[in-house]
Amino acid sequence: MEKAKYLAREIQEESTERTETHMDGLKPAINNLLHTYLPDNITIGDSETIAMVINEMVWNPNDFVRVIKSDC
């Protein structure tokens, strides 16, 4: 979860557009999910950040859920 928070901060702080690798195929599904379930006070910019974090999680799940055995 810390990686997701860090990634969200990184996305929000970038002044240049982030490359949306593999985003095209998932974008409609992610947008539909966010539109359906996010509260009304979330801005479009916020939802774009969340969508990019979700996209990153889908394409690189091990970065978010795997714990290196030496860390245990």
N, C-alpha and C. Protein backbone atom coordinates (compact mmCIF):
# COMPACT_ATOMS: atom_id res chain seq x y z
N MET A 1 0.81 -1.19 0.00
CA MET A 1 0.00 0.00 0.00
C MET A 1 0.86 1.26 0.00
N GLU A 2 2.00 1.20 0.67
CA GLU A 2 2.91 2.35 0.67
C GLU A 2 3.37 2.68 -0.75
N LYS A 3 3.61 1.64 -1.56
CA LYS A 3 4.04 1.87 -2.94
C LYS A 3 2.93 2.58 -3.72
N ALA A 4 1.69 2.20 -3.48
CA ALA A 4 0.56 2.85 -4.16
C ALA A 4 0.46 4.32 -3.77
N LYS A 5 0.66 4.61 -2.48
CA LYS A 5 0.61 6.00 -2.02
C LYS A 5 1.76 6.80 -2.62
N TYR A 6 2.94 6.20 -2.66
CA TYR A 6 4.10 6.87 -3.25
C TYR A 6 3.86 7.14 -4.74
N LEU A 7 3.32 6.14 -5.46
CA LEU A 7 3.06 6.29 -6.89
C LEU A 7 2.02 7.39 -7.13
N ALA A 8 0.99 7.44 -6.30
CA ALA A 8 -0.03 8.49 -6.45
C ALA A 8 0.59 9.87 -6.25
N ARG A 9 1.44 10.01 -5.24
CA ARG A 9 2.12 11.29 -5.00
C ARG A 9 3.00 11.66 -6.18
N GLU A 10 3.72 10.66 -6.69
CA GLU A 10 4.62 10.88 -7.83
C GLU A 10 3.84 11.34 -9.06
N ILE A 11 2.72 10.71 -9.32
CA ILE A 11 1.88 11.07 -10.47
C ILE A 11 1.36 12.50 -10.31
N GLN A 12 0.90 12.85 -9.12
CA GLN A 12 0.35 14.19 -8.88
C GLN A 12 1.41 15.28 -8.99
N GLU A 13 2.64 14.97 -8.64
CA GLU A 13 3.70 15.97 -8.64
C GLU A 13 4.37 16.16 -10.00
N GLU A 14 4.21 15.20 -10.91
CA GLU A 14 4.85 15.31 -12.21
C GLU A 14 4.24 16.45 -13.01
N SER A 15 5.10 17.24 -13.62
CA SER A 15 4.60 18.34 -14.43
C SER A 15 4.39 17.92 -15.88
N THR A 16 5.05 16.86 -16.30
CA THR A 16 4.87 16.36 -17.66
C THR A 16 3.87 15.23 -17.65
N GLU A 17 3.30 14.95 -18.82
CA GLU A 17 2.34 13.86 -18.90
C GLU A 17 3.02 12.52 -18.69
N ARG A 18 2.38 11.68 -17.92
CA ARG A 18 2.89 10.34 -17.63
C ARG A 18 2.56 9.43 -18.82
N THR A 19 3.51 8.57 -19.18
CA THR A 19 3.26 7.61 -20.24
C THR A 19 2.25 6.59 -19.74
N GLU A 20 1.21 6.37 -20.51
CA GLU A 20 0.15 5.47 -20.10
C GLU A 20 0.32 4.11 -20.78
N THR A 21 1.37 3.40 -20.41
CA THR A 21 1.65 2.09 -20.98
C THR A 21 0.50 1.14 -20.69
N HIS A 22 0.01 0.49 -21.73
CA HIS A 22 -1.07 -0.50 -21.62
C HIS A 22 -2.38 0.08 -21.13
N MET A 23 -2.48 1.37 -21.01
CA MET A 23 -3.69 1.99 -20.45
C MET A 23 -4.87 1.89 -21.40
N ASP A 24 -4.62 1.87 -22.70
CA ASP A 24 -5.73 1.89 -23.66
C ASP A 24 -6.73 0.77 -23.45
N GLY A 25 -6.24 -0.46 -23.27
CA GLY A 25 -7.14 -1.60 -23.12
C GLY A 25 -7.93 -1.58 -21.82
N LEU A 26 -7.33 -1.09 -20.76
CA LEU A 26 -7.99 -1.09 -19.45
C LEU A 26 -8.76 0.18 -19.15
N LYS A 27 -8.48 1.24 -19.86
CA LYS A 27 -9.04 2.55 -19.52
C LYS A 27 -10.57 2.55 -19.41
N PRO A 28 -11.31 1.98 -20.37
CA PRO A 28 -12.77 2.00 -20.24
C PRO A 28 -13.26 1.26 -18.99
N ALA A 29 -12.65 0.13 -18.67
CA ALA A 29 -13.08 -0.64 -17.50
C ALA A 29 -12.76 0.10 -16.21
N ILE A 30 -11.56 0.67 -16.14
CA ILE A 30 -11.17 1.42 -14.94
C ILE A 30 -12.05 2.66 -14.78
N ASN A 31 -12.29 3.39 -15.85
CA ASN A 31 -13.14 4.59 -15.77
C ASN A 31 -14.56 4.24 -15.32
N ASN A 32 -15.10 3.14 -15.84
CA ASN A 32 -16.43 2.71 -15.44
C ASN A 32 -16.47 2.36 -13.96
N LEU A 33 -15.46 1.65 -13.50
CA LEU A 33 -15.36 1.29 -12.08
C LEU A 33 -15.31 2.54 -11.21
N LEU A 34 -14.45 3.48 -11.58
CA LEU A 34 -14.31 4.70 -10.79
C LEU A 34 -15.59 5.54 -10.80
N HIS A 35 -16.19 5.66 -11.99
CA HIS A 35 -17.42 6.44 -12.11
C HIS A 35 -18.53 5.84 -11.25
N THR A 36 -18.57 4.53 -11.17
CA THR A 36 -19.61 3.84 -10.41
C THR A 36 -19.40 3.95 -8.90
N TYR A 37 -18.16 3.85 -8.45
CA TYR A 37 -17.92 3.68 -7.02
C TYR A 37 -17.27 4.84 -6.27
N LEU A 38 -16.65 5.76 -6.95
CA LEU A 38 -16.01 6.87 -6.24
C LEU A 38 -17.05 7.87 -5.75
N PRO A 39 -16.80 8.50 -4.60
CA PRO A 39 -17.75 9.52 -4.12
C PRO A 39 -17.74 10.75 -5.03
N ASP A 40 -18.78 11.53 -4.94
CA ASP A 40 -18.96 12.69 -5.81
C ASP A 40 -17.92 13.80 -5.60
N ASN A 41 -17.26 13.82 -4.44
CA ASN A 41 -16.32 14.91 -4.18
C ASN A 41 -14.93 14.66 -4.79
N ILE A 42 -14.75 13.55 -5.49
CA ILE A 42 -13.48 13.25 -6.15
C ILE A 42 -13.46 13.97 -7.50
N THR A 43 -12.39 14.74 -7.75
CA THR A 43 -12.30 15.50 -9.00
C THR A 43 -11.86 14.60 -10.15
N ILE A 44 -11.98 15.11 -11.37
CA ILE A 44 -11.51 14.37 -12.54
C ILE A 44 -10.01 14.11 -12.44
N GLY A 45 -9.27 15.11 -12.00
CA GLY A 45 -7.82 14.94 -11.82
C GLY A 45 -7.49 13.85 -10.81
N ASP A 46 -8.25 13.83 -9.70
CA ASP A 46 -8.06 12.79 -8.69
C ASP A 46 -8.34 11.41 -9.27
N SER A 47 -9.42 11.32 -10.03
CA SER A 47 -9.78 10.01 -10.59
C SER A 47 -8.77 9.56 -11.64
N GLU A 48 -8.17 10.49 -12.36
CA GLU A 48 -7.11 10.11 -13.31
C GLU A 48 -5.90 9.56 -12.59
N THR A 49 -5.55 10.16 -11.45
CA THR A 49 -4.44 9.66 -10.64
C THR A 49 -4.75 8.26 -10.15
N ILE A 50 -5.95 8.07 -9.62
CA ILE A 50 -6.35 6.76 -9.12
C ILE A 50 -6.34 5.73 -10.26
N ALA A 51 -6.82 6.12 -11.44
CA ALA A 51 -6.84 5.21 -12.58
C ALA A 51 -5.43 4.77 -12.96
N MET A 52 -4.47 5.69 -12.93
CA MET A 52 -3.10 5.33 -13.28
C MET A 52 -2.48 4.40 -12.24
N VAL A 53 -2.82 4.61 -10.96
CA VAL A 53 -2.32 3.72 -9.92
C VAL A 53 -2.92 2.33 -10.09
N ILE A 54 -4.22 2.25 -10.36
CA ILE A 54 -4.87 0.96 -10.59
C ILE A 54 -4.23 0.27 -11.80
N ASN A 55 -4.02 1.03 -12.86
CA ASN A 55 -3.40 0.47 -14.06
C ASN A 55 -2.03 -0.13 -13.73
N GLU A 56 -1.24 0.62 -12.97
CA GLU A 56 0.09 0.14 -12.58
C GLU A 56 -0.01 -1.12 -11.73
N MET A 57 -0.99 -1.17 -10.86
CA MET A 57 -1.20 -2.35 -10.02
C MET A 57 -1.56 -3.58 -10.85
N VAL A 58 -2.38 -3.38 -11.87
CA VAL A 58 -2.79 -4.49 -12.73
C VAL A 58 -1.60 -5.04 -13.51
N TRP A 59 -0.78 -4.15 -14.06
CA TRP A 59 0.33 -4.60 -14.90
C TRP A 59 1.56 -5.03 -14.11
N ASN A 60 1.68 -4.59 -12.87
CA ASN A 60 2.84 -4.94 -12.04
C ASN A 60 2.40 -5.32 -10.63
N PRO A 61 1.56 -6.35 -10.48
CA PRO A 61 1.00 -6.67 -9.17
C PRO A 61 2.06 -7.06 -8.13
N ASN A 62 3.12 -7.69 -8.57
CA ASN A 62 4.16 -8.12 -7.62
C ASN A 62 4.81 -6.94 -6.92
N ASP A 63 4.84 -5.79 -7.56
CA ASP A 63 5.41 -4.60 -6.94
C ASP A 63 4.59 -4.13 -5.75
N PHE A 64 3.34 -4.54 -5.68
CA PHE A 64 2.44 -4.05 -4.65
C PHE A 64 2.10 -5.09 -3.58
N VAL A 65 2.16 -6.37 -3.91
CA VAL A 65 1.68 -7.38 -2.97
C VAL A 65 2.74 -8.39 -2.51
N ARG A 66 3.81 -8.50 -3.20
CA ARG A 66 4.83 -9.47 -2.82
C ARG A 66 5.78 -8.89 -1.79
N VAL A 67 6.11 -9.67 -0.82
CA VAL A 67 7.08 -9.28 0.18
C VAL A 67 8.31 -10.14 -0.03
N ILE A 68 9.45 -9.48 -0.10
CA ILE A 68 10.70 -10.22 -0.25
C ILE A 68 10.92 -11.02 1.03
N LYS A 69 11.25 -12.31 0.88
CA LYS A 69 11.35 -13.19 2.04
C LYS A 69 12.30 -12.67 3.10
N SER A 70 13.33 -11.97 2.72
CA SER A 70 14.27 -11.46 3.71
C SER A 70 13.67 -10.34 4.56
N ASP A 71 12.57 -9.75 4.09
CA ASP A 71 11.91 -8.70 4.85
C ASP A 71 10.99 -9.25 5.93
N CYS A 72 10.69 -10.54 5.85
CA CYS A 72 9.76 -11.15 6.82
C CYS A 72 10.40 -11.34 8.18
